[in-house]
Amino acid sequence: MTKENKKEGEPLPPRSRVHPSNKMKMVRLFYNVLIAAFFLLTAGLVFWGIQFLE
């Protein structure tokens, strides 16, 4: 058996190993953006409320 024949008989590696997923990274980014938007909206509404009362 030659080296090429042996390589042809081997199964391919799983797709998850060849192309790893970045799903958890995207989920973490989504939640961080969501939390930042919540704080910015809260701060903006508080600032707007203070200005409105003056």
Protein backbone atom coordinates (compact mmCIF):
# COMPACT_ATOMS: atom_id res chain seq x y z
CA MET A 1 0.00 0.00 0.00
CA THR A 2 1.30 3.40 -0.89
CA LYS A 3 0.92 6.50 1.15
CA GLU A 4 -1.74 7.89 -1.22
CA ASN A 5 -3.89 4.76 -1.05
CA LYS A 6 -3.82 4.79 2.73
CA LYS A 7 -4.84 8.45 2.79
CA GLU A 8 -7.78 7.78 0.45
CA GLY A 9 -9.15 5.13 2.79
CA GLU A 10 -9.12 7.35 5.87
CA PRO A 11 -12.40 9.03 6.80
CA LEU A 12 -12.58 12.79 6.73
CA PRO A 13 -12.40 14.65 10.05
CA PRO A 14 -15.67 16.02 11.43
CA ARG A 15 -16.70 19.40 10.06
CA SER A 16 -16.75 20.83 13.59
CA ARG A 17 -13.03 20.14 13.88
CA VAL A 18 -12.16 21.55 10.46
CA HIS A 19 -14.41 24.63 10.81
CA PRO A 20 -14.95 25.33 14.53
CA SER A 21 -18.10 27.23 15.44
CA ASN A 22 -17.94 30.68 16.98
CA LYS A 23 -21.52 30.46 18.25
CA MET A 24 -20.63 31.08 21.91
CA LYS A 25 -18.56 34.11 20.96
CA MET A 26 -21.49 35.57 19.03
CA VAL A 27 -23.92 34.85 21.89
CA ARG A 28 -21.63 36.60 24.35
CA LEU A 29 -21.28 39.59 22.00
CA PHE A 30 -25.06 39.76 21.55
CA TYR A 31 -25.70 39.78 25.30
CA ASN A 32 -23.01 42.40 25.90
CA VAL A 33 -24.53 44.66 23.24
CA LEU A 34 -27.98 44.10 24.75
CA ILE A 35 -26.78 45.01 28.25
CA ALA A 36 -24.93 48.09 26.96
CA ALA A 37 -28.03 49.24 25.07
CA PHE A 38 -30.13 48.80 28.21
CA PHE A 39 -27.75 50.92 30.30
CA LEU A 40 -27.47 53.60 27.63
CA LEU A 41 -31.22 53.78 27.24
CA THR A 42 -31.71 53.98 31.02
CA ALA A 43 -29.06 56.71 31.36
CA GLY A 44 -30.57 58.63 28.43
CA LEU A 45 -34.06 58.48 29.91
CA VAL A 46 -32.81 59.60 33.33
CA PHE A 47 -30.90 62.48 31.77
CA TRP A 48 -33.93 63.44 29.69
CA GLY A 49 -36.15 63.27 32.78
CA ILE A 50 -33.83 65.54 34.76
CA GLN A 51 -33.76 68.05 31.92
CA PHE A 52 -37.55 67.89 31.60
CA LEU A 53 -38.04 68.67 35.32
CA GLU A 54 -35.85 71.79 35.25
